[in-house]
Amino acid sequence: MKVTGVVPRVVVTNRIHSDVLTYLETFCRPVVNGAVEPLSREDLLRLSRDADGMLVFMNDWIDDAFLAECPSLRIISAALKGYDNFDIEACARRGVCFAYVPDRLTVATAELAMGLMIGLGRKLIEGDSYVRSGKFYGWRPYFYGNGLAGQTVGILGMGNVGRALARRLAACEMRVLYHDQNRLGPGEESSLGVTFCGFDDVVSQADYLVPLLPLSRDTYHLIDEDVIAKMSPHSLLINPSRGSIIDENAVARALHANRLAGYAADVFEMEDWAVSDRPIKIPDRLLELREKTLFTPHLGSAVCSVRLAIEMEAASHLDQFFSGGVPQHKVEPSQTAEVR
C-alpha cells in the first residue's frame, strides 16, 4: 500500500479492466459500478457524498449541484478526452481538481471516422442486410456508392484527430481540405497533404464533410440548416466528434428532401448533458432513414488496448494527486468554453 493513515475512497462510475482495479487498490479504496448500465444520479450521489475522488466516464454528468452534496470530494479523474459534460468552473470554485486523458483516443477516433466514411459511402449496411435476406444469388448491379480515392474530404478542425485522419485519407488518394481557427504551418500542411480553405469553401467542395471539434458555445449546432444548404446534395456528412455540433433535425429534413446524400454518426445530441435542453432520444425521422444513414453506439474509443490505456492513465492521475502531486493532465477553467 502506497499510502498511510486514512486511505482515500474513490467512486468508479463504470466497469473497468481488472488490471486497473488492481492498480487502484494499491493507493485507494475503489467503489466500482460493475454493471454495463450507468448509475442513476441518485445512486451516484449516494455513493459519492463521502468520496475523496471519482473516476468518471462519458456517460457521467457532474455539475455544481452535484458537487455541493459531495463536500469531501477532492479530485475527479475523467477517462475521456472531451469533458464538456463536467462543470470545470464549479470544480475550481469548490477546490476539486479535474484531470482528463487528452491523447489516447486520437488514432482510434480517426480510424472510426474512416470506417464511417467507407461504411456509408459503400453502402455496407444495405449490402449486409441484402445478403442476410436470402435474396442474394450473386453479383447484381446494385448498391453503387462512393469510394474514397479521387474524392474530396473537408475536415473542420485540424487538431490531433484531424491530423491523424488527414494522414490516413491522403494515403487513400483523397483531396483533403480543412478549416481551423488556427491554420497549420506550410511545412505541416505539405507533410499532411492538406489545403487550408475558408469554412464555406470546405463545406461546399466536400464530398465527405467531417467536423472534428469540441462542443462549445461556438460549435453548438455548427452544422445547421444554413450550412447544409451550402453542401452538395451528393455529399455525405460524418460525425465522430460530438452530437450537438450537428442539428439532427435539420439533417433529417435535408435527407428526406434529398438535399443531403447521407449521414453517419458515432455521437448524438442526447448524450450531451451540458446542453440544457438536450433531446432525450435520436429523432425518429433520422432513425427511419436506413438507406441514407449509418450509426454506431459511441465506438470511437472502443478498442480493447485503447480502453485499458485510457482507464490506466485516468487512474494514474488519482495516484499522482493522492501522492501529493499534480495530475499530468489537470484541466484549468481557462481551457473550457460554456456550451449553453
Protein backbone atom coordinates (compact mmCIF):
# COMPACT_ATOMS: atom_id res chain seq x y z
CA MET A 1 0.00 0.00 0.00
CA LYS A 2 1.47 3.33 -1.07
CA VAL A 3 -0.38 5.45 1.46
CA THR A 4 -0.52 5.51 5.21
CA GLY A 5 -3.23 6.71 7.53
CA VAL A 6 -6.67 7.27 6.02
CA VAL A 7 -6.94 5.57 2.64
CA PRO A 8 -8.89 7.72 0.13
CA ARG A 9 -12.20 6.40 -1.08
CA VAL A 10 -12.74 6.60 -4.86
CA VAL A 11 -16.01 6.01 -6.71
CA VAL A 12 -15.54 4.43 -10.16
CA THR A 13 -18.71 5.12 -12.10
CA ASN A 14 -18.39 2.44 -14.79
CA ARG A 15 -16.96 -1.04 -15.24
CA ILE A 16 -13.15 -1.12 -15.61
CA HIS A 17 -10.45 -3.62 -16.54
CA SER A 18 -9.21 -5.88 -13.75
CA ASP A 19 -5.65 -4.54 -14.15
CA VAL A 20 -6.91 -1.02 -13.46
CA LEU A 21 -8.81 -2.17 -10.39
CA THR A 22 -5.69 -3.90 -9.09
CA TYR A 23 -3.72 -0.67 -9.58
CA LEU A 24 -6.35 1.44 -7.81
CA GLU A 25 -6.30 -0.90 -4.84
CA THR A 26 -2.61 -0.08 -4.24
CA PHE A 27 -3.42 3.50 -3.17
CA CYS A 28 -7.17 3.87 -2.56
CA ARG A 29 -10.41 2.09 -1.72
CA PRO A 30 -12.27 1.86 -5.04
CA VAL A 31 -16.04 1.50 -5.10
CA VAL A 32 -16.84 0.27 -8.61
CA ASN A 33 -20.04 0.14 -10.61
CA GLY A 34 -19.55 -3.27 -12.20
CA ALA A 35 -22.68 -3.10 -14.36
CA VAL A 36 -22.87 -2.10 -18.01
CA GLU A 37 -25.59 0.47 -17.34
CA PRO A 38 -24.63 3.75 -15.63
CA LEU A 39 -25.69 4.52 -12.10
CA SER A 40 -28.68 6.78 -11.65
CA ARG A 41 -27.86 10.27 -10.45
CA GLU A 42 -29.39 9.42 -7.08
CA ASP A 43 -27.29 6.26 -6.67
CA LEU A 44 -24.14 8.04 -7.81
CA LEU A 45 -24.75 10.81 -5.29
CA ARG A 46 -25.35 8.29 -2.53
CA LEU A 47 -22.01 6.63 -3.22
CA SER A 48 -20.11 9.89 -3.72
CA ARG A 49 -21.21 12.00 -0.76
CA ASP A 50 -18.25 10.89 1.35
CA ALA A 51 -15.86 10.06 -1.51
CA ASP A 52 -12.43 11.63 -1.79
CA GLY A 53 -12.18 11.04 -5.53
CA MET A 54 -14.08 9.89 -8.59
CA LEU A 55 -13.09 8.13 -11.79
CA VAL A 56 -15.72 9.16 -14.35
CA PHE A 57 -16.67 8.37 -17.94
CA MET A 58 -18.52 9.72 -20.96
CA ASN A 59 -22.00 8.89 -19.62
CA ASP A 60 -21.49 10.89 -16.42
CA TRP A 61 -22.60 14.45 -15.70
CA ILE A 62 -21.17 16.45 -12.83
CA ASP A 63 -22.45 19.97 -12.14
CA ASP A 64 -22.34 22.40 -9.24
CA ALA A 65 -25.44 20.94 -7.58
CA PHE A 66 -23.80 17.50 -7.53
CA LEU A 67 -20.55 18.90 -6.12
CA ALA A 68 -22.43 20.77 -3.39
CA GLU A 69 -23.55 17.42 -1.95
CA CYS A 70 -20.04 15.92 -2.02
CA PRO A 71 -18.02 18.05 0.41
CA SER A 72 -15.19 15.50 0.78
CA LEU A 73 -14.53 15.29 -2.96
CA ARG A 74 -11.04 16.50 -3.88
CA ILE A 75 -10.41 15.12 -7.38
CA ILE A 76 -12.34 13.94 -10.42
CA SER A 77 -10.33 11.98 -12.96
CA ALA A 78 -12.05 11.52 -16.32
CA ALA A 79 -11.33 8.53 -18.53
CA LEU A 80 -12.10 10.52 -21.65
CA LYS A 81 -10.87 13.28 -23.93
CA GLY A 82 -13.85 15.64 -24.17
CA TYR A 83 -15.04 16.96 -20.81
CA ASP A 84 -17.99 19.16 -21.80
CA ASN A 85 -20.34 17.12 -19.55
CA PHE A 86 -18.43 18.38 -16.49
CA ASP A 87 -18.60 21.84 -14.94
CA ILE A 88 -14.91 22.68 -14.68
CA GLU A 89 -15.62 26.16 -13.32
CA ALA A 90 -17.67 24.70 -10.48
CA CYS A 91 -14.90 22.20 -9.73
CA ALA A 92 -12.38 25.05 -9.48
CA ARG A 93 -14.64 27.11 -7.20
CA ARG A 94 -15.09 24.18 -4.85
CA GLY A 95 -11.42 23.18 -4.84
CA VAL A 96 -11.93 19.96 -6.78
CA CYS A 97 -9.08 19.05 -9.13
CA PHE A 98 -10.22 17.82 -12.55
CA ALA A 99 -7.99 15.76 -14.87
CA TYR A 100 -8.60 14.08 -18.21
CA VAL A 101 -6.90 11.91 -20.86
CA PRO A 102 -6.22 14.07 -23.94
CA ASP A 103 -4.20 11.88 -26.28
CA ARG A 104 -5.20 8.21 -26.09
CA LEU A 105 -8.22 8.39 -28.41
CA THR A 106 -6.62 10.09 -31.39
CA VAL A 107 -5.88 7.12 -33.64
CA ALA A 108 -8.93 5.12 -32.58
CA THR A 109 -11.26 8.03 -33.39
CA ALA A 110 -9.57 8.70 -36.73
CA GLU A 111 -9.93 5.03 -37.66
CA LEU A 112 -13.60 5.03 -36.74
CA ALA A 113 -14.18 8.17 -38.82
CA MET A 114 -12.68 6.34 -41.79
CA GLY A 115 -14.90 3.36 -41.06
CA LEU A 116 -18.00 5.56 -41.05
CA MET A 117 -16.93 7.16 -44.33
CA ILE A 118 -16.38 3.80 -46.03
CA GLY A 119 -19.44 2.17 -44.47
CA LEU A 120 -21.79 4.95 -45.55
CA GLY A 121 -20.20 5.64 -48.90
CA ARG A 122 -20.00 1.99 -49.97
CA LYS A 123 -23.44 1.07 -48.56
CA LEU A 124 -22.07 -1.74 -46.38
CA ILE A 125 -25.09 -1.97 -44.09
CA GLU A 126 -27.51 -2.22 -47.00
CA GLY A 127 -25.33 -4.86 -48.60
CA ASP A 128 -25.13 -6.89 -45.39
CA SER A 129 -28.92 -6.78 -44.97
CA TYR A 130 -29.39 -7.87 -48.59
CA VAL A 131 -27.11 -10.88 -48.19
CA ARG A 132 -28.91 -11.93 -44.99
CA SER A 133 -32.35 -11.52 -46.61
CA GLY A 134 -31.95 -14.71 -48.67
CA LYS A 135 -32.38 -12.77 -51.92
CA PHE A 136 -28.68 -12.73 -52.81
CA TYR A 137 -27.71 -15.12 -55.62
CA GLY A 138 -24.50 -13.48 -56.76
CA TRP A 139 -23.44 -10.13 -58.12
CA ARG A 140 -26.12 -7.80 -59.44
CA PRO A 141 -25.83 -4.11 -60.48
CA TYR A 142 -26.99 -2.86 -57.07
CA PHE A 143 -25.68 -0.68 -54.24
CA TYR A 144 -23.40 1.59 -56.22
CA GLY A 145 -21.87 4.16 -53.89
CA ASN A 146 -18.86 6.39 -53.30
CA GLY A 147 -15.31 5.30 -52.59
CA LEU A 148 -12.51 7.42 -51.14
CA ALA A 149 -9.95 7.66 -53.94
CA GLY A 150 -10.39 10.79 -56.04
CA GLN A 151 -12.98 12.28 -53.65
CA THR A 152 -12.69 15.47 -51.61
CA VAL A 153 -12.93 15.34 -47.84
CA GLY A 154 -13.49 18.51 -45.83
CA ILE A 155 -12.24 18.41 -42.24
CA LEU A 156 -13.49 21.07 -39.82
CA GLY A 157 -10.95 21.24 -37.01
CA MET A 158 -7.32 20.20 -37.53
CA GLY A 159 -6.40 19.11 -34.01
CA ASN A 160 -4.79 15.79 -33.15
CA VAL A 161 -7.67 13.72 -34.54
CA GLY A 162 -7.99 15.92 -37.62
CA ARG A 163 -4.30 15.48 -38.43
CA ALA A 164 -4.45 11.72 -37.79
CA LEU A 165 -7.44 11.43 -40.13
CA ALA A 166 -5.80 13.62 -42.78
CA ARG A 167 -2.68 11.41 -42.84
CA ARG A 168 -4.77 8.32 -43.41
CA LEU A 169 -7.04 9.83 -46.05
CA ALA A 170 -4.15 11.31 -48.02
CA ALA A 171 -2.84 7.75 -48.31
CA CYS A 172 -6.23 6.82 -49.81
CA GLU A 173 -5.62 9.33 -52.62
CA MET A 174 -8.21 11.77 -51.36
CA ARG A 175 -8.06 15.54 -51.74
CA VAL A 176 -8.04 16.86 -48.18
CA LEU A 177 -9.34 20.36 -47.44
CA TYR A 178 -9.54 21.75 -43.92
CA HIS A 179 -10.63 24.75 -41.92
CA ASP A 180 -9.46 25.65 -38.44
CA GLN A 181 -9.21 28.88 -36.45
CA ASN A 182 -5.50 28.16 -36.13
CA ARG A 183 -4.02 27.40 -39.52
CA LEU A 184 -1.17 24.89 -39.67
CA GLY A 185 2.25 26.00 -40.83
CA PRO A 186 3.13 25.48 -44.50
CA GLY A 187 5.56 22.66 -43.66
CA GLU A 188 2.95 20.67 -41.76
CA GLU A 189 0.31 21.29 -44.43
CA SER A 190 2.73 19.93 -47.00
CA SER A 191 3.65 16.85 -44.97
CA LEU A 192 -0.01 16.06 -44.30
CA GLY A 193 -1.06 16.77 -47.87
CA VAL A 194 -3.83 19.17 -46.81
CA THR A 195 -5.08 22.50 -48.14
CA PHE A 196 -6.44 25.29 -45.94
CA CYS A 197 -9.71 26.90 -47.10
CA GLY A 198 -12.39 29.17 -45.73
CA PHE A 199 -15.25 27.50 -43.87
CA ASP A 200 -17.78 27.92 -46.70
CA ASP A 201 -15.30 26.64 -49.30
CA VAL A 202 -14.65 23.47 -47.30
CA VAL A 203 -18.37 22.89 -46.81
CA SER A 204 -19.31 23.48 -50.45
CA GLN A 205 -16.49 21.43 -52.00
CA ALA A 206 -16.54 18.37 -49.74
CA ASP A 207 -17.83 15.02 -50.93
CA TYR A 208 -17.35 13.93 -47.31
CA LEU A 209 -17.65 16.59 -44.58
CA VAL A 210 -16.15 15.61 -41.21
CA PRO A 211 -16.40 18.00 -38.22
CA LEU A 212 -13.76 17.18 -35.59
CA LEU A 213 -14.40 19.84 -32.97
CA PRO A 214 -15.09 20.05 -29.25
CA LEU A 215 -18.57 21.04 -28.13
CA SER A 216 -18.73 24.68 -27.03
CA ARG A 217 -20.95 27.72 -27.34
CA ASP A 218 -19.38 28.43 -30.74
CA THR A 219 -19.73 24.90 -32.15
CA TYR A 220 -23.23 24.05 -30.86
CA HIS A 221 -25.34 23.28 -33.98
CA LEU A 222 -22.49 24.47 -36.16
CA ILE A 223 -23.87 22.27 -38.93
CA ASP A 224 -27.40 23.60 -39.21
CA GLU A 225 -29.95 24.24 -41.96
CA ASP A 226 -27.95 27.11 -43.44
CA VAL A 227 -24.66 25.18 -43.58
CA ILE A 228 -26.33 22.09 -45.02
CA ALA A 229 -27.80 24.29 -47.76
CA LYS A 230 -24.22 25.13 -48.82
CA MET A 231 -23.29 21.45 -49.15
CA SER A 232 -23.64 19.50 -52.36
CA PRO A 233 -26.78 17.32 -52.36
CA HIS A 234 -24.44 14.43 -53.23
CA SER A 235 -22.21 14.92 -50.17
CA LEU A 236 -22.02 12.74 -47.06
CA LEU A 237 -21.83 14.16 -43.52
CA ILE A 238 -19.77 12.21 -40.97
CA ASN A 239 -19.85 12.98 -37.23
CA PRO A 240 -17.36 11.22 -34.91
CA SER A 241 -16.88 14.18 -32.52
CA ARG A 242 -19.91 15.47 -30.54
CA GLY A 243 -23.59 15.01 -31.29
CA SER A 244 -24.68 18.59 -30.69
CA ILE A 245 -22.26 20.01 -33.24
CA ILE A 246 -24.92 18.77 -35.68
CA ASP A 247 -28.55 19.86 -35.72
CA GLU A 248 -30.00 16.35 -36.08
CA ASN A 249 -33.47 17.57 -37.03
CA ALA A 250 -32.00 19.74 -39.79
CA VAL A 251 -30.07 16.71 -41.07
CA ALA A 252 -33.23 14.59 -41.05
CA ARG A 253 -35.12 17.21 -43.05
CA ALA A 254 -32.29 17.51 -45.57
CA LEU A 255 -32.08 13.73 -46.04
CA HIS A 256 -35.83 13.42 -46.55
CA ALA A 257 -35.74 16.27 -49.09
CA ASN A 258 -32.71 14.76 -50.92
CA ARG A 259 -30.63 17.85 -50.10
CA LEU A 260 -28.03 15.61 -48.45
CA ALA A 261 -26.99 12.17 -49.62
CA GLY A 262 -26.18 10.57 -46.28
CA TYR A 263 -25.29 10.94 -42.61
CA ALA A 264 -23.09 8.74 -40.42
CA ALA A 265 -22.56 9.35 -36.72
CA ASP A 266 -20.95 7.78 -33.68
CA VAL A 267 -22.26 10.50 -31.34
CA PHE A 268 -25.68 12.01 -30.71
CA GLU A 269 -27.29 15.10 -29.25
CA MET A 270 -28.99 13.10 -26.49
CA GLU A 271 -25.54 12.34 -24.99
CA ASP A 272 -24.60 15.97 -24.35
CA TRP A 273 -25.64 16.62 -20.77
CA ALA A 274 -24.11 20.10 -20.84
CA VAL A 275 -26.83 21.25 -23.26
CA SER A 276 -29.70 22.44 -21.10
CA ASP A 277 -32.47 21.34 -23.48
CA ARG A 278 -30.81 18.27 -24.99
CA PRO A 279 -33.22 15.78 -26.60
CA ILE A 280 -33.85 12.52 -24.77
CA LYS A 281 -33.52 10.36 -27.90
CA ILE A 282 -32.38 10.36 -31.51
CA PRO A 283 -35.09 11.82 -33.79
CA ASP A 284 -37.33 9.12 -35.24
CA ARG A 285 -37.18 10.79 -38.66
CA LEU A 286 -33.43 10.24 -38.63
CA LEU A 287 -33.55 6.63 -37.48
CA GLU A 288 -36.07 5.62 -40.13
CA LEU A 289 -33.74 6.62 -42.99
CA ARG A 290 -31.90 3.29 -43.06
CA GLU A 291 -30.66 3.64 -46.63
CA LYS A 292 -29.08 7.04 -46.02
CA THR A 293 -27.64 6.68 -42.53
CA LEU A 294 -25.08 4.67 -40.59
CA PHE A 295 -25.00 4.87 -36.78
CA THR A 296 -22.65 3.35 -34.22
CA PRO A 297 -23.06 3.49 -30.40
CA HIS A 298 -20.16 5.80 -29.49
CA LEU A 299 -17.45 3.35 -30.55
CA GLY A 300 -14.75 6.00 -31.07
CA SER A 301 -12.60 4.64 -28.25
CA ALA A 302 -13.91 1.07 -28.27
CA VAL A 303 -10.57 -0.60 -28.93
CA CYS A 304 -9.52 -3.03 -26.17
CA SER A 305 -5.95 -1.78 -25.81
CA VAL A 306 -7.07 1.86 -26.03
CA ARG A 307 -9.75 1.48 -23.34
CA LEU A 308 -7.24 -0.14 -20.99
CA ALA A 309 -4.71 2.64 -21.61
CA ILE A 310 -7.33 5.36 -21.02
CA GLU A 311 -8.50 3.83 -17.75
CA MET A 312 -4.95 3.27 -16.54
CA GLU A 313 -3.95 6.87 -17.28
CA ALA A 314 -7.05 8.20 -15.52
CA ALA A 315 -6.19 6.01 -12.53
CA SER A 316 -2.62 7.34 -12.57
CA HIS A 317 -3.98 10.89 -12.21
CA LEU A 318 -5.66 9.82 -8.98
CA ASP A 319 -2.42 8.21 -7.81
CA GLN A 320 -0.45 11.38 -8.59
CA PHE A 321 -2.95 13.54 -6.69
CA PHE A 322 -3.21 11.37 -3.57
CA SER A 323 0.59 11.11 -3.51
CA GLY A 324 0.74 14.88 -3.14
CA GLY A 325 1.45 15.77 -6.77
CA VAL A 326 -0.44 17.48 -9.57
CA PRO A 327 -2.07 15.22 -12.18
CA GLN A 328 -0.26 15.34 -15.51
CA HIS A 329 -3.36 16.46 -17.40
CA LYS A 330 -5.13 18.73 -14.95
CA VAL A 331 -7.73 20.95 -16.61
CA GLU A 332 -7.77 24.65 -15.82
CA PRO A 333 -11.00 26.68 -16.05
CA SER A 334 -9.45 28.81 -18.81
CA GLN A 335 -9.35 25.72 -21.06
CA THR A 336 -13.11 25.34 -21.11
CA ALA A 337 -15.89 27.02 -23.05
CA GLU A 338 -19.51 27.19 -21.93
CA VAL A 339 -21.89 25.23 -24.13
CA ARG A 340 -25.29 26.81 -23.47
